């Protein structure tokens, strides 16, 4: 179990919160207003100096379309990032007929065959 006051989880929360905010190109003032807290509270959360209560954690997670577990470091991957990465890959596949055909052909192959094809492709 995590010790919320132990520092590690606070630092992880702070890092992830800051990363999400910066990745979304959102300044502290806007985010603080959107989730109904003060600028200084948000800064303290990001710096690991203060613990947000559960309602604020949920608001932050909802704002970034992620989970409280991700914010606290209990989940390794952000669902939104994974979703966007998958969506981007699917769009690329959909726009490239040759790549689409390659994937359709690969579906019928055994994993050993796919691994061999990948090795050959690395040589090209």
C-alpha atoms as a PDB file:
ATOM      1  CA  UNK A   1       0.000   0.000   0.000  1.00  0.00           C
ATOM      2  CA  UNK A   2       1.178   3.525  -0.739  1.00  0.00           C
ATOM      3  CA  UNK A   3       1.998   5.996   1.988  1.00  0.00           C
ATOM      4  CA  UNK A   4       0.465   9.153   0.567  1.00  0.00           C
ATOM      5  CA  UNK A   5       2.500  11.323   2.907  1.00  0.00           C
ATOM      6  CA  UNK A   6       5.688   9.413   2.148  1.00  0.00           C
ATOM      7  CA  UNK A   7       6.816  11.688  -0.644  1.00  0.00           C
ATOM      8  CA  UNK A   8       7.275   9.109  -3.406  1.00  0.00           C
ATOM      9  CA  UNK A   9       3.674   9.021  -4.470  1.00  0.00           C
ATOM     10  CA  UNK A  10       3.423  12.811  -4.188  1.00  0.00           C
ATOM     11  CA  UNK A  11       6.436  13.261  -6.441  1.00  0.00           C
ATOM     12  CA  UNK A  12       5.015  10.776  -8.941  1.00  0.00           C
ATOM     13  CA  UNK A  13       1.672  12.577  -8.921  1.00  0.00           C
ATOM     14  CA  UNK A  14       3.445  15.886  -9.393  1.00  0.00           C
ATOM     15  CA  UNK A  15       5.540  14.611 -12.309  1.00  0.00           C
ATOM     16  CA  UNK A  16       2.580  13.045 -14.079  1.00  0.00           C
ATOM     17  CA  UNK A  17       0.322  16.030 -13.502  1.00  0.00           C
ATOM     18  CA  UNK A  18       2.932  18.436 -14.834  1.00  0.00           C
ATOM     19  CA  UNK A  19       3.670  16.183 -17.801  1.00  0.00           C
ATOM     20  CA  UNK A  20      -0.006  15.899 -18.743  1.00  0.00           C
ATOM     21  CA  UNK A  21      -0.470  19.640 -18.407  1.00  0.00           C
ATOM     22  CA  UNK A  22       2.601  20.495 -20.479  1.00  0.00           C
ATOM     23  CA  UNK A  23       1.843  17.861 -23.123  1.00  0.00           C
ATOM     24  CA  UNK A  24      -1.605  19.384 -23.502  1.00  0.00           C
ATOM     25  CA  UNK A  25      -0.032  22.847 -23.667  1.00  0.00           C
ATOM     26  CA  UNK A  26      -2.193  23.997 -20.750  1.00  0.00           C
ATOM     27  CA  UNK A  27      -0.908  26.610 -18.324  1.00  0.00           C
ATOM     28  CA  UNK A  28      -1.404  26.262 -14.591  1.00  0.00           C
ATOM     29  CA  UNK A  29      -3.845  29.136 -14.368  1.00  0.00           C
ATOM     30  CA  UNK A  30      -6.236  27.597 -16.892  1.00  0.00           C
ATOM     31  CA  UNK A  31      -6.052  24.112 -15.371  1.00  0.00           C
ATOM     32  CA  UNK A  32      -6.539  25.442 -11.842  1.00  0.00           C
ATOM     33  CA  UNK A  33      -9.629  27.357 -12.950  1.00  0.00           C
ATOM     34  CA  UNK A  34     -11.032  24.361 -14.857  1.00  0.00           C
ATOM     35  CA  UNK A  35     -10.792  22.016 -11.869  1.00  0.00           C
ATOM     36  CA  UNK A  36     -11.798  24.637  -9.308  1.00  0.00           C
ATOM     37  CA  UNK A  37      -8.618  25.095  -7.285  1.00  0.00           C
ATOM     38  CA  UNK A  38      -6.134  27.900  -6.758  1.00  0.00           C
ATOM     39  CA  UNK A  39      -3.024  28.353  -8.868  1.00  0.00           C
ATOM     40  CA  UNK A  40      -0.842  27.909  -5.772  1.00  0.00           C
ATOM     41  CA  UNK A  41      -2.545  24.609  -4.856  1.00  0.00           C
ATOM     42  CA  UNK A  42      -1.878  23.261  -8.341  1.00  0.00           C
ATOM     43  CA  UNK A  43       1.754  24.380  -8.145  1.00  0.00           C
ATOM     44  CA  UNK A  44       2.112  22.594  -4.791  1.00  0.00           C
ATOM     45  CA  UNK A  45       0.595  19.402  -6.233  1.00  0.00           C
ATOM     46  CA  UNK A  46       3.049  19.515  -9.142  1.00  0.00           C
ATOM     47  CA  UNK A  47       5.983  20.136  -6.798  1.00  0.00           C
ATOM     48  CA  UNK A  48       4.995  17.292  -4.466  1.00  0.00           C
ATOM     49  CA  UNK A  49       4.422  19.694  -1.580  1.00  0.00           C
ATOM     50  CA  UNK A  50       0.730  19.069  -1.059  1.00  0.00           C
ATOM     51  CA  UNK A  51      -1.731  16.189  -1.376  1.00  0.00           C
ATOM     52  CA  UNK A  52      -4.943  16.817  -3.310  1.00  0.00           C
ATOM     53  CA  UNK A  53      -8.087  15.343  -1.822  1.00  0.00           C
ATOM     54  CA  UNK A  54      -9.908  12.569  -3.646  1.00  0.00           C
ATOM     55  CA  UNK A  55     -12.466  14.850  -5.308  1.00  0.00           C
ATOM     56  CA  UNK A  56      -9.678  16.971  -6.799  1.00  0.00           C
ATOM     57  CA  UNK A  57      -7.788  13.860  -7.953  1.00  0.00           C
ATOM     58  CA  UNK A  58     -10.925  12.652  -9.726  1.00  0.00           C
ATOM     59  CA  UNK A  59     -11.430  16.077 -11.350  1.00  0.00           C
ATOM     60  CA  UNK A  60      -7.827  16.057 -12.587  1.00  0.00           C
ATOM     61  CA  UNK A  61      -8.152  12.504 -13.937  1.00  0.00           C
ATOM     62  CA  UNK A  62     -11.437  13.376 -15.665  1.00  0.00           C
ATOM     63  CA  UNK A  63      -9.970  16.556 -17.143  1.00  0.00           C
ATOM     64  CA  UNK A  64      -7.114  14.617 -18.735  1.00  0.00           C
ATOM     65  CA  UNK A  65      -9.271  11.574 -19.543  1.00  0.00           C
ATOM     66  CA  UNK A  66      -7.016   9.310 -17.522  1.00  0.00           C
ATOM     67  CA  UNK A  67      -7.313   7.366 -14.273  1.00  0.00           C
ATOM     68  CA  UNK A  68      -6.509   8.263 -10.686  1.00  0.00           C
ATOM     69  CA  UNK A  69      -4.336   5.130 -10.648  1.00  0.00           C
ATOM     70  CA  UNK A  70      -2.250   6.547 -13.499  1.00  0.00           C
ATOM     71  CA  UNK A  71      -1.870   9.884 -11.706  1.00  0.00           C
ATOM     72  CA  UNK A  72      -0.704   8.111  -8.550  1.00  0.00           C
ATOM     73  CA  UNK A  73       1.762   5.884 -10.399  1.00  0.00           C
ATOM     74  CA  UNK A  74      -0.223   2.688  -9.885  1.00  0.00           C
ATOM     75  CA  UNK A  75      -0.767   2.301 -13.654  1.00  0.00           C
ATOM     76  CA  UNK A  76       2.201   2.490 -15.962  1.00  0.00           C
ATOM     77  CA  UNK A  77       0.477   3.784 -19.072  1.00  0.00           C
ATOM     78  CA  UNK A  78      -1.889   6.632 -19.688  1.00  0.00           C
ATOM     79  CA  UNK A  79      -4.993   5.307 -21.437  1.00  0.00           C
ATOM     80  CA  UNK A  80      -5.447   8.452 -23.521  1.00  0.00           C
ATOM     81  CA  UNK A  81      -1.870   8.293 -24.790  1.00  0.00           C
ATOM     82  CA  UNK A  82      -2.279   4.610 -25.692  1.00  0.00           C
ATOM     83  CA  UNK A  83      -5.588   5.336 -27.413  1.00  0.00           C
ATOM     84  CA  UNK A  84      -4.110   8.206 -29.428  1.00  0.00           C
ATOM     85  CA  UNK A  85      -1.065   6.137 -30.406  1.00  0.00           C
ATOM     86  CA  UNK A  86      -3.267   3.255 -31.567  1.00  0.00           C
ATOM     87  CA  UNK A  87      -5.585   5.597 -33.438  1.00  0.00           C
ATOM     88  CA  UNK A  88      -2.640   7.248 -35.178  1.00  0.00           C
ATOM     89  CA  UNK A  89      -1.253   3.852 -36.227  1.00  0.00           C
ATOM     90  CA  UNK A  90      -4.630   2.700 -37.523  1.00  0.00           C
ATOM     91  CA  UNK A  91      -5.015   5.886 -39.548  1.00  0.00           C
ATOM     92  CA  UNK A  92      -1.591   5.350 -41.136  1.00  0.00           C
ATOM     93  CA  UNK A  93      -2.481   1.752 -41.988  1.00  0.00           C
ATOM     94  CA  UNK A  94      -5.804   2.833 -43.420  1.00  0.00           C
ATOM     95  CA  UNK A  95      -4.128   5.409 -45.677  1.00  0.00           C
ATOM     96  CA  UNK A  96      -1.503   3.017 -47.039  1.00  0.00           C
ATOM     97  CA  UNK A  97      -2.883   0.194 -49.209  1.00  0.00           C
ATOM     98  CA  UNK A  98       0.381  -1.760 -49.255  1.00  0.00           C
ATOM     99  CA  UNK A  99       0.681  -1.645 -45.468  1.00  0.00           C
ATOM    100  CA  UNK A 100      -2.947  -2.688 -45.085  1.00  0.00           C
ATOM    101  CA  UNK A 101      -2.409  -5.671 -47.424  1.00  0.00           C
ATOM    102  CA  UNK A 102       0.746  -6.657 -45.537  1.00  0.00           C
ATOM    103  CA  UNK A 103      -1.110  -6.685 -42.228  1.00  0.00           C
ATOM    104  CA  UNK A 104      -4.029  -8.639 -43.679  1.00  0.00           C
ATOM    105  CA  UNK A 105      -1.590 -11.264 -45.017  1.00  0.00           C
ATOM    106  CA  UNK A 106       0.257 -11.387 -41.693  1.00  0.00           C
ATOM    107  CA  UNK A 107      -2.967 -12.209 -39.839  1.00  0.00           C
ATOM    108  CA  UNK A 108      -2.941 -15.732 -41.239  1.00  0.00           C
ATOM    109  CA  UNK A 109       0.710 -16.406 -40.348  1.00  0.00           C
ATOM    110  CA  UNK A 110       2.108 -18.044 -37.242  1.00  0.00           C
ATOM    111  CA  UNK A 111       4.071 -15.841 -34.863  1.00  0.00           C
ATOM    112  CA  UNK A 112       7.360 -17.561 -35.805  1.00  0.00           C
ATOM    113  CA  UNK A 113       6.819 -16.632 -39.451  1.00  0.00           C
ATOM    114  CA  UNK A 114       6.029 -13.046 -38.528  1.00  0.00           C
ATOM    115  CA  UNK A 115       9.227 -12.846 -36.477  1.00  0.00           C
ATOM    116  CA  UNK A 116      11.253 -14.081 -39.465  1.00  0.00           C
ATOM    117  CA  UNK A 117       9.596 -11.525 -41.748  1.00  0.00           C
ATOM    118  CA  UNK A 118      10.402  -8.758 -39.270  1.00  0.00           C
ATOM    119  CA  UNK A 119      14.058  -9.850 -39.236  1.00  0.00           C
ATOM    120  CA  UNK A 120      14.174  -9.766 -43.046  1.00  0.00           C
ATOM    121  CA  UNK A 121      12.520  -6.342 -43.084  1.00  0.00           C
ATOM    122  CA  UNK A 122      15.202  -5.005 -40.730  1.00  0.00           C
ATOM    123  CA  UNK A 123      17.813  -5.988 -43.324  1.00  0.00           C
ATOM    124  CA  UNK A 124      16.103  -4.021 -46.088  1.00  0.00           C
END
